[in-house]
Amino acid sequence: MGSAIARNGKSWRERLAGYPTLPDIKPIPERMQQRHGHGTIVTPSPREVDQAMKRVPEGRLVTVFGIGQQLALQHGTTIGCTVTTAIFASMAAQAAEEDRQAGVADITPYWRTLKANGELNLKYPGGLDELMQRLESEGHTVVQRGRRYFVEDFEKKLMR
């Protein structure tokens, strides 16, 4: 799924190291205030998202939303930008696969980072089969609901 070189000619690892202006903290945009209220929002750096994903031990899980909440707490903001967090989680997954292909043994365990409601991110490297194999080898049960796949009872295994 992921190529060795991203579209802009940089490796995924190089892209992950980019974004020198992040993290960035701003007031919550007006269009988001109805849902989130007033306060501040952090747009994390890709490195911060990668580090949060690296801290998830075998047998545990995290969601992109949970990473956003964790980074908001870390930065003293009201919320974390989950859209950017999701984009950077995908970038971290691609960089991890790039590392694995280069022979790095200790890669970011991206398969432990789920979408909201425990859904698998099928855009991660390896697709459904590899994600299921990795999760099930760590003791999780993957179930299909409609066209989507979820870790059963994922809430019980979330990192706090």
N, C-alpha and C. Protein backbone atom coordinates (compact mmCIF):
# COMPACT_ATOMS: atom_id res chain seq x y z
N MET A 1 0.82 -1.20 0.00
CA MET A 1 0.00 0.00 0.00
C MET A 1 0.86 1.25 0.00
N GLY A 2 1.77 1.43 0.97
CA GLY A 2 2.59 2.63 1.04
C GLY A 2 3.83 2.45 0.20
N SER A 3 4.18 3.48 -0.55
CA SER A 3 5.40 3.40 -1.34
C SER A 3 6.56 3.91 -0.50
N ALA A 4 7.76 3.59 -0.93
CA ALA A 4 8.95 4.02 -0.19
C ALA A 4 9.08 5.54 -0.20
N ILE A 5 8.65 6.16 -1.27
CA ILE A 5 8.79 7.61 -1.39
C ILE A 5 7.39 8.23 -1.51
N ALA A 6 7.15 9.22 -0.66
CA ALA A 6 5.87 9.92 -0.71
C ALA A 6 5.81 10.76 -1.99
N ARG A 7 4.64 11.28 -2.30
CA ARG A 7 4.44 12.03 -3.53
C ARG A 7 5.39 13.20 -3.71
N ASN A 8 5.80 13.84 -2.63
CA ASN A 8 6.65 15.02 -2.76
C ASN A 8 8.13 14.67 -2.86
N GLY A 9 8.46 13.38 -3.04
CA GLY A 9 9.84 12.98 -3.21
C GLY A 9 10.56 12.69 -1.90
N LYS A 10 9.91 12.90 -0.78
CA LYS A 10 10.51 12.62 0.53
C LYS A 10 10.01 11.27 1.03
N SER A 11 10.84 10.63 1.84
CA SER A 11 10.40 9.38 2.46
C SER A 11 9.34 9.73 3.51
N TRP A 12 8.60 8.73 3.93
CA TRP A 12 7.59 8.96 4.98
C TRP A 12 8.27 9.40 6.27
N ARG A 13 9.43 8.84 6.57
CA ARG A 13 10.17 9.21 7.77
C ARG A 13 10.57 10.69 7.70
N GLU A 14 11.01 11.15 6.52
CA GLU A 14 11.36 12.57 6.34
C GLU A 14 10.13 13.47 6.50
N ARG A 15 9.02 13.02 5.96
CA ARG A 15 7.78 13.81 6.10
C ARG A 15 7.38 13.91 7.56
N LEU A 16 7.53 12.80 8.29
CA LEU A 16 7.18 12.77 9.71
C LEU A 16 8.02 13.77 10.51
N ALA A 17 9.26 13.98 10.08
CA ALA A 17 10.17 14.89 10.77
C ALA A 17 9.95 16.36 10.35
N GLY A 18 9.09 16.58 9.38
CA GLY A 18 8.85 17.94 8.90
C GLY A 18 7.93 18.73 9.80
N TYR A 19 7.30 19.74 9.25
CA TYR A 19 6.32 20.58 9.96
C TYR A 19 6.94 21.33 11.15
N PRO A 20 7.94 22.17 10.89
CA PRO A 20 8.62 22.88 11.98
C PRO A 20 7.74 23.87 12.74
N THR A 21 6.60 24.26 12.17
CA THR A 21 5.72 25.22 12.86
C THR A 21 4.74 24.54 13.81
N LEU A 22 4.78 23.21 13.87
CA LEU A 22 3.87 22.48 14.75
C LEU A 22 4.64 21.93 15.94
N PRO A 23 4.01 21.82 17.10
CA PRO A 23 2.59 22.04 17.38
C PRO A 23 2.22 23.52 17.36
N ASP A 24 0.93 23.75 17.13
CA ASP A 24 0.40 25.11 17.07
C ASP A 24 -0.86 25.18 17.91
N ILE A 25 -0.96 26.22 18.71
CA ILE A 25 -2.14 26.40 19.58
C ILE A 25 -2.84 27.68 19.17
N LYS A 26 -4.16 27.56 18.95
CA LYS A 26 -4.98 28.70 18.52
C LYS A 26 -6.33 28.63 19.22
N PRO A 27 -7.07 29.74 19.18
CA PRO A 27 -8.46 29.66 19.66
C PRO A 27 -9.25 28.67 18.80
N ILE A 28 -10.24 28.01 19.40
CA ILE A 28 -11.10 27.10 18.63
C ILE A 28 -11.80 27.92 17.56
N PRO A 29 -11.71 27.50 16.28
CA PRO A 29 -12.37 28.26 15.21
C PRO A 29 -13.88 28.37 15.42
N GLU A 30 -14.43 29.47 14.96
CA GLU A 30 -15.86 29.75 15.16
C GLU A 30 -16.74 28.60 14.67
N ARG A 31 -16.38 28.00 13.52
CA ARG A 31 -17.20 26.91 12.96
C ARG A 31 -17.24 25.69 13.85
N MET A 32 -16.28 25.57 14.79
CA MET A 32 -16.22 24.41 15.68
C MET A 32 -16.77 24.71 17.08
N GLN A 33 -17.07 25.99 17.34
CA GLN A 33 -17.47 26.38 18.69
C GLN A 33 -18.83 25.83 19.12
N GLN A 34 -19.73 25.65 18.18
CA GLN A 34 -21.04 25.09 18.52
C GLN A 34 -20.87 23.70 19.15
N ARG A 35 -19.95 22.93 18.60
CA ARG A 35 -19.73 21.57 19.08
C ARG A 35 -18.79 21.50 20.28
N HIS A 36 -17.72 22.33 20.26
CA HIS A 36 -16.67 22.21 21.27
C HIS A 36 -16.60 23.36 22.26
N GLY A 37 -17.37 24.41 22.03
CA GLY A 37 -17.32 25.56 22.92
C GLY A 37 -16.12 26.45 22.64
N HIS A 38 -15.90 27.40 23.54
CA HIS A 38 -14.76 28.30 23.39
C HIS A 38 -13.56 27.68 24.06
N GLY A 39 -12.40 28.15 23.72
CA GLY A 39 -11.17 27.63 24.30
C GLY A 39 -10.11 27.56 23.24
N THR A 40 -9.19 26.61 23.40
CA THR A 40 -8.07 26.50 22.47
C THR A 40 -7.97 25.10 21.88
N ILE A 41 -7.34 25.03 20.71
CA ILE A 41 -7.14 23.76 20.01
C ILE A 41 -5.66 23.64 19.67
N VAL A 42 -5.11 22.45 19.87
CA VAL A 42 -3.73 22.20 19.46
C VAL A 42 -3.73 21.40 18.16
N THR A 43 -2.94 21.86 17.22
CA THR A 43 -2.63 21.08 16.03
C THR A 43 -1.27 20.47 16.32
N PRO A 44 -1.22 19.16 16.54
CA PRO A 44 0.03 18.53 16.97
C PRO A 44 1.03 18.42 15.84
N SER A 45 2.25 18.10 16.21
CA SER A 45 3.26 17.80 15.19
C SER A 45 3.16 16.31 14.86
N PRO A 46 3.60 15.92 13.68
CA PRO A 46 3.59 14.49 13.34
C PRO A 46 4.42 13.66 14.32
N ARG A 47 5.53 14.23 14.79
CA ARG A 47 6.39 13.50 15.74
C ARG A 47 5.65 13.21 17.04
N GLU A 48 4.84 14.16 17.51
CA GLU A 48 4.08 13.94 18.75
C GLU A 48 3.08 12.80 18.58
N VAL A 49 2.42 12.75 17.43
CA VAL A 49 1.45 11.68 17.17
C VAL A 49 2.18 10.34 17.11
N ASP A 50 3.31 10.31 16.41
CA ASP A 50 4.10 9.09 16.32
C ASP A 50 4.54 8.63 17.71
N GLN A 51 5.01 9.55 18.54
CA GLN A 51 5.44 9.20 19.90
C GLN A 51 4.28 8.64 20.73
N ALA A 52 3.10 9.25 20.60
CA ALA A 52 1.92 8.75 21.33
C ALA A 52 1.59 7.33 20.89
N MET A 53 1.71 7.06 19.59
CA MET A 53 1.43 5.72 19.07
C MET A 53 2.48 4.71 19.55
N LYS A 54 3.72 5.15 19.67
CA LYS A 54 4.80 4.26 20.13
C LYS A 54 4.62 3.83 21.57
N ARG A 55 3.92 4.64 22.38
CA ARG A 55 3.74 4.33 23.80
C ARG A 55 2.67 3.28 24.08
N VAL A 56 1.94 2.84 23.06
CA VAL A 56 0.87 1.86 23.27
C VAL A 56 1.49 0.47 23.35
N PRO A 57 1.44 -0.16 24.53
CA PRO A 57 2.07 -1.48 24.67
C PRO A 57 1.23 -2.60 24.05
N GLU A 58 1.87 -3.72 23.84
CA GLU A 58 1.19 -4.89 23.30
C GLU A 58 -0.01 -5.23 24.18
N GLY A 59 -1.13 -5.55 23.55
CA GLY A 59 -2.35 -5.90 24.28
C GLY A 59 -3.25 -4.71 24.58
N ARG A 60 -2.75 -3.50 24.37
CA ARG A 60 -3.53 -2.29 24.62
C ARG A 60 -3.83 -1.60 23.30
N LEU A 61 -4.76 -0.65 23.34
CA LEU A 61 -5.20 0.08 22.15
C LEU A 61 -5.36 1.55 22.46
N VAL A 62 -5.44 2.34 21.41
CA VAL A 62 -5.73 3.77 21.52
C VAL A 62 -6.53 4.16 20.28
N THR A 63 -7.31 5.23 20.40
CA THR A 63 -8.01 5.76 19.23
C THR A 63 -7.35 7.08 18.84
N VAL A 64 -7.59 7.50 17.61
CA VAL A 64 -7.09 8.80 17.15
C VAL A 64 -7.68 9.89 18.03
N PHE A 65 -8.94 9.77 18.38
CA PHE A 65 -9.58 10.74 19.28
C PHE A 65 -8.87 10.78 20.63
N GLY A 66 -8.53 9.60 21.15
CA GLY A 66 -7.82 9.51 22.42
C GLY A 66 -6.45 10.17 22.37
N ILE A 67 -5.75 10.00 21.26
CA ILE A 67 -4.46 10.66 21.09
C ILE A 67 -4.66 12.17 21.08
N GLY A 68 -5.71 12.65 20.38
CA GLY A 68 -6.02 14.08 20.36
C GLY A 68 -6.29 14.62 21.75
N GLN A 69 -7.04 13.87 22.56
CA GLN A 69 -7.34 14.28 23.94
C GLN A 69 -6.05 14.33 24.77
N GLN A 70 -5.22 13.32 24.61
CA GLN A 70 -3.96 13.24 25.34
C GLN A 70 -3.06 14.44 24.99
N LEU A 71 -2.98 14.77 23.71
CA LEU A 71 -2.14 15.89 23.29
C LEU A 71 -2.72 17.23 23.75
N ALA A 72 -4.05 17.34 23.80
CA ALA A 72 -4.67 18.56 24.32
C ALA A 72 -4.29 18.74 25.79
N LEU A 73 -4.35 17.67 26.56
CA LEU A 73 -3.99 17.71 27.97
C LEU A 73 -2.51 18.11 28.13
N GLN A 74 -1.68 17.49 27.33
CA GLN A 74 -0.24 17.76 27.35
C GLN A 74 0.06 19.24 27.06
N HIS A 75 -0.71 19.84 26.14
CA HIS A 75 -0.47 21.23 25.74
C HIS A 75 -1.34 22.23 26.51
N GLY A 76 -2.20 21.74 27.40
CA GLY A 76 -3.05 22.64 28.16
C GLY A 76 -4.12 23.31 27.33
N THR A 77 -4.60 22.61 26.30
CA THR A 77 -5.65 23.17 25.44
C THR A 77 -6.97 22.46 25.70
N THR A 78 -8.04 23.04 25.19
CA THR A 78 -9.38 22.48 25.36
C THR A 78 -9.54 21.19 24.56
N ILE A 79 -9.09 21.21 23.30
CA ILE A 79 -9.22 20.05 22.41
C ILE A 79 -7.96 19.89 21.57
N GLY A 80 -7.83 18.71 20.98
CA GLY A 80 -6.79 18.44 20.00
C GLY A 80 -7.44 18.29 18.65
N CYS A 81 -6.76 18.67 17.60
CA CYS A 81 -7.31 18.55 16.25
C CYS A 81 -7.26 17.09 15.80
N THR A 82 -8.42 16.44 15.79
CA THR A 82 -8.45 15.01 15.45
C THR A 82 -8.24 14.78 13.96
N VAL A 83 -8.59 15.74 13.11
CA VAL A 83 -8.36 15.57 11.66
C VAL A 83 -6.86 15.49 11.40
N THR A 84 -6.11 16.45 11.94
CA THR A 84 -4.66 16.45 11.77
C THR A 84 -4.04 15.23 12.45
N THR A 85 -4.54 14.88 13.63
CA THR A 85 -4.02 13.71 14.35
C THR A 85 -4.19 12.45 13.50
N ALA A 86 -5.35 12.30 12.84
CA ALA A 86 -5.60 11.13 11.99
C ALA A 86 -4.66 11.11 10.78
N ILE A 87 -4.44 12.27 10.18
CA ILE A 87 -3.53 12.36 9.03
C ILE A 87 -2.11 11.96 9.46
N PHE A 88 -1.68 12.49 10.61
CA PHE A 88 -0.33 12.20 11.08
C PHE A 88 -0.20 10.75 11.57
N ALA A 89 -1.29 10.16 12.06
CA ALA A 89 -1.27 8.74 12.45
C ALA A 89 -1.04 7.88 11.20
N SER A 90 -1.69 8.23 10.10
CA SER A 90 -1.49 7.51 8.84
C SER A 90 -0.05 7.67 8.36
N MET A 91 0.47 8.88 8.50
CA MET A 91 1.85 9.15 8.11
C MET A 91 2.81 8.31 8.96
N ALA A 92 2.54 8.23 10.26
CA ALA A 92 3.38 7.43 11.17
C ALA A 92 3.31 5.95 10.78
N ALA A 93 2.14 5.48 10.39
CA ALA A 93 1.98 4.08 9.97
C ALA A 93 2.80 3.81 8.71
N GLN A 94 2.76 4.72 7.74
CA GLN A 94 3.54 4.55 6.51
C GLN A 94 5.04 4.59 6.81
N ALA A 95 5.46 5.49 7.72
CA ALA A 95 6.87 5.58 8.10
C ALA A 95 7.31 4.29 8.81
N ALA A 96 6.43 3.74 9.64
CA ALA A 96 6.74 2.49 10.34
C ALA A 96 6.95 1.35 9.34
N GLU A 97 6.10 1.30 8.33
CA GLU A 97 6.24 0.26 7.31
C GLU A 97 7.53 0.46 6.52
N GLU A 98 7.85 1.70 6.23
CA GLU A 98 9.10 2.03 5.55
C GLU A 98 10.29 1.55 6.41
N ASP A 99 10.22 1.79 7.72
CA ASP A 99 11.26 1.33 8.65
C ASP A 99 11.35 -0.19 8.65
N ARG A 100 10.19 -0.85 8.71
CA ARG A 100 10.17 -2.32 8.74
C ARG A 100 10.84 -2.88 7.48
N GLN A 101 10.53 -2.29 6.33
CA GLN A 101 11.12 -2.75 5.07
C GLN A 101 12.63 -2.49 5.04
N ALA A 102 13.10 -1.52 5.81
CA ALA A 102 14.53 -1.21 5.88
C ALA A 102 15.23 -2.05 6.95
N GLY A 103 14.47 -2.96 7.60
CA GLY A 103 15.08 -3.86 8.57
C GLY A 103 15.04 -3.39 10.01
N VAL A 104 14.32 -2.30 10.29
CA VAL A 104 14.19 -1.82 11.67
C VAL A 104 13.23 -2.75 12.40
N ALA A 105 13.65 -3.26 13.55
CA ALA A 105 12.84 -4.24 14.29
C ALA A 105 11.77 -3.55 15.15
N ASP A 106 12.12 -2.45 15.79
CA ASP A 106 11.21 -1.79 16.74
C ASP A 106 10.48 -0.63 16.04
N ILE A 107 9.37 -0.95 15.36
CA ILE A 107 8.62 0.07 14.63
C ILE A 107 7.42 0.56 15.44
N THR A 108 6.89 1.70 15.06
CA THR A 108 5.67 2.22 15.68
C THR A 108 4.55 1.20 15.47
N PRO A 109 3.89 0.73 16.55
CA PRO A 109 2.83 -0.28 16.42
C PRO A 109 1.50 0.36 15.98
N TYR A 110 1.46 0.79 14.75
CA TYR A 110 0.32 1.54 14.21
C TYR A 110 -0.99 0.76 14.25
N TRP A 111 -0.94 -0.56 14.20
CA TRP A 111 -2.15 -1.40 14.22
C TRP A 111 -2.91 -1.26 15.53
N ARG A 112 -2.26 -0.74 16.57
CA ARG A 112 -2.92 -0.55 17.87
C ARG A 112 -3.67 0.78 17.94
N THR A 113 -3.56 1.61 16.90
CA THR A 113 -4.27 2.89 16.84
C THR A 113 -5.50 2.71 15.96
N LEU A 114 -6.67 2.87 16.57
CA LEU A 114 -7.94 2.64 15.88
C LEU A 114 -8.65 3.95 15.60
N LYS A 115 -9.62 3.86 14.70
CA LYS A 115 -10.53 4.98 14.48
C LYS A 115 -11.52 5.01 15.66
N ALA A 116 -12.40 5.99 15.64
CA ALA A 116 -13.44 6.07 16.67
C ALA A 116 -14.25 4.77 16.70
N ASN A 117 -14.78 4.44 17.84
CA ASN A 117 -15.61 3.25 18.02
C ASN A 117 -14.86 1.94 17.76
N GLY A 118 -13.53 1.98 17.79
CA GLY A 118 -12.76 0.75 17.66
C GLY A 118 -12.60 0.22 16.26
N GLU A 119 -12.87 1.05 15.27
CA GLU A 119 -12.78 0.60 13.87
C GLU A 119 -11.33 0.55 13.40
N LEU A 120 -11.00 -0.49 12.63
CA LEU A 120 -9.68 -0.61 12.03
C LEU A 120 -9.53 0.40 10.90
N ASN A 121 -8.33 0.95 10.76
CA ASN A 121 -8.06 1.88 9.67
C ASN A 121 -7.48 1.07 8.51
N LEU A 122 -8.30 0.78 7.53
CA LEU A 122 -7.89 -0.08 6.42
C LEU A 122 -6.91 0.61 5.47
N LYS A 123 -6.64 1.89 5.70
CA LYS A 123 -5.64 2.59 4.88
C LYS A 123 -4.23 2.40 5.44
N TYR A 124 -4.12 1.80 6.61
CA TYR A 124 -2.80 1.51 7.18
C TYR A 124 -2.12 0.44 6.32
N PRO A 125 -0.78 0.37 6.35
CA PRO A 125 -0.06 -0.62 5.55
C PRO A 125 -0.51 -2.05 5.85
N GLY A 126 -0.53 -2.86 4.81
CA GLY A 126 -0.89 -4.27 4.97
C GLY A 126 -2.37 -4.54 4.82
N GLY A 127 -3.20 -3.50 4.95
CA GLY A 127 -4.63 -3.67 4.80
C GLY A 127 -5.25 -4.57 5.86
N LEU A 128 -6.45 -4.99 5.60
CA LEU A 128 -7.25 -5.76 6.56
C LEU A 128 -6.55 -7.01 7.06
N ASP A 129 -6.02 -7.82 6.16
CA ASP A 129 -5.44 -9.10 6.57
C ASP A 129 -4.30 -8.92 7.56
N GLU A 130 -3.39 -8.00 7.25
CA GLU A 130 -2.24 -7.80 8.14
C GLU A 130 -2.67 -7.18 9.48
N LEU A 131 -3.59 -6.21 9.42
CA LEU A 131 -4.07 -5.59 10.66
C LEU A 131 -4.73 -6.64 11.57
N MET A 132 -5.60 -7.47 10.97
CA MET A 132 -6.27 -8.51 11.75
C MET A 132 -5.25 -9.47 12.36
N GLN A 133 -4.28 -9.90 11.57
CA GLN A 133 -3.27 -10.85 12.05
C GLN A 133 -2.50 -10.25 13.21
N ARG A 134 -2.08 -9.00 13.08
CA ARG A 134 -1.30 -8.35 14.15
C ARG A 134 -2.14 -8.20 15.42
N LEU A 135 -3.38 -7.72 15.27
CA LEU A 135 -4.24 -7.51 16.43
C LEU A 135 -4.60 -8.83 17.12
N GLU A 136 -4.97 -9.84 16.32
CA GLU A 136 -5.36 -11.12 16.89
C GLU A 136 -4.16 -11.81 17.56
N SER A 137 -2.95 -11.59 17.04
CA SER A 137 -1.76 -12.18 17.67
C SER A 137 -1.48 -11.54 19.03
N GLU A 138 -2.07 -10.35 19.27
CA GLU A 138 -1.92 -9.67 20.56
C GLU A 138 -3.13 -9.89 21.46
N GLY A 139 -4.03 -10.80 21.06
CA GLY A 139 -5.14 -11.16 21.91
C GLY A 139 -6.45 -10.44 21.67
N HIS A 140 -6.52 -9.65 20.60
CA HIS A 140 -7.77 -8.93 20.29
C HIS A 140 -8.62 -9.75 19.34
N THR A 141 -9.92 -9.52 19.38
CA THR A 141 -10.85 -10.17 18.46
C THR A 141 -11.39 -9.13 17.50
N VAL A 142 -11.25 -9.38 16.21
CA VAL A 142 -11.73 -8.46 15.18
C VAL A 142 -13.06 -8.99 14.66
N VAL A 143 -14.07 -8.12 14.62
CA VAL A 143 -15.39 -8.51 14.13
C VAL A 143 -15.80 -7.60 12.98
N GLN A 144 -16.60 -8.15 12.08
CA GLN A 144 -17.10 -7.38 10.95
C GLN A 144 -18.52 -6.93 11.25
N ARG A 145 -18.79 -5.65 11.00
CA ARG A 145 -20.15 -5.11 11.10
C ARG A 145 -20.42 -4.38 9.81
N GLY A 146 -21.28 -4.98 8.99
CA GLY A 146 -21.50 -4.41 7.65
C GLY A 146 -20.22 -4.55 6.86
N ARG A 147 -19.75 -3.44 6.30
CA ARG A 147 -18.51 -3.47 5.53
C ARG A 147 -17.28 -3.07 6.36
N ARG A 148 -17.49 -2.81 7.63
CA ARG A 148 -16.40 -2.29 8.46
C ARG A 148 -15.94 -3.32 9.48
N TYR A 149 -14.73 -3.13 9.99
CA TYR A 149 -14.13 -4.07 10.92
C TYR A 149 -13.75 -3.34 12.20
N PHE A 150 -14.01 -3.99 13.33
CA PHE A 150 -13.82 -3.39 14.64
C PHE A 150 -13.12 -4.37 15.57
N VAL A 151 -12.42 -3.82 16.58
CA VAL A 151 -11.90 -4.67 17.65
C VAL A 151 -13.03 -4.78 18.67
N GLU A 152 -13.44 -6.03 18.95
CA GLU A 152 -14.53 -6.29 19.89
C GLU A 152 -14.11 -5.85 21.29
N ASP A 153 -15.03 -5.18 21.98
CA ASP A 153 -14.79 -4.71 23.35
C ASP A 153 -13.50 -3.90 23.48
N PHE A 154 -13.21 -3.08 22.46
CA PHE A 154 -11.97 -2.32 22.45
C PHE A 154 -11.84 -1.38 23.65
N GLU A 155 -13.00 -0.91 24.17
CA GLU A 155 -12.98 0.05 25.29
C GLU A 155 -12.25 -0.53 26.50
N LYS A 156 -12.37 -1.84 26.70
CA LYS A 156 -11.74 -2.49 27.85
C LYS A 156 -10.22 -2.54 27.74
N LYS A 157 -9.70 -2.31 26.53
CA LYS A 157 -8.26 -2.41 26.31
C LYS A 157 -7.61 -1.06 25.97
N LEU A 158 -8.39 0.02 26.09
CA LEU A 158 -7.82 1.34 25.80
C LEU A 158 -6.83 1.75 26.86
N MET A 159 -5.78 2.43 26.42
CA MET A 159 -4.83 3.02 27.37
C MET A 159 -5.52 4.17 28.04
N ARG A 160 -5.23 4.36 29.27
CA ARG A 160 -5.83 5.49 30.03
C ARG A 160 -4.83 6.60 30.17
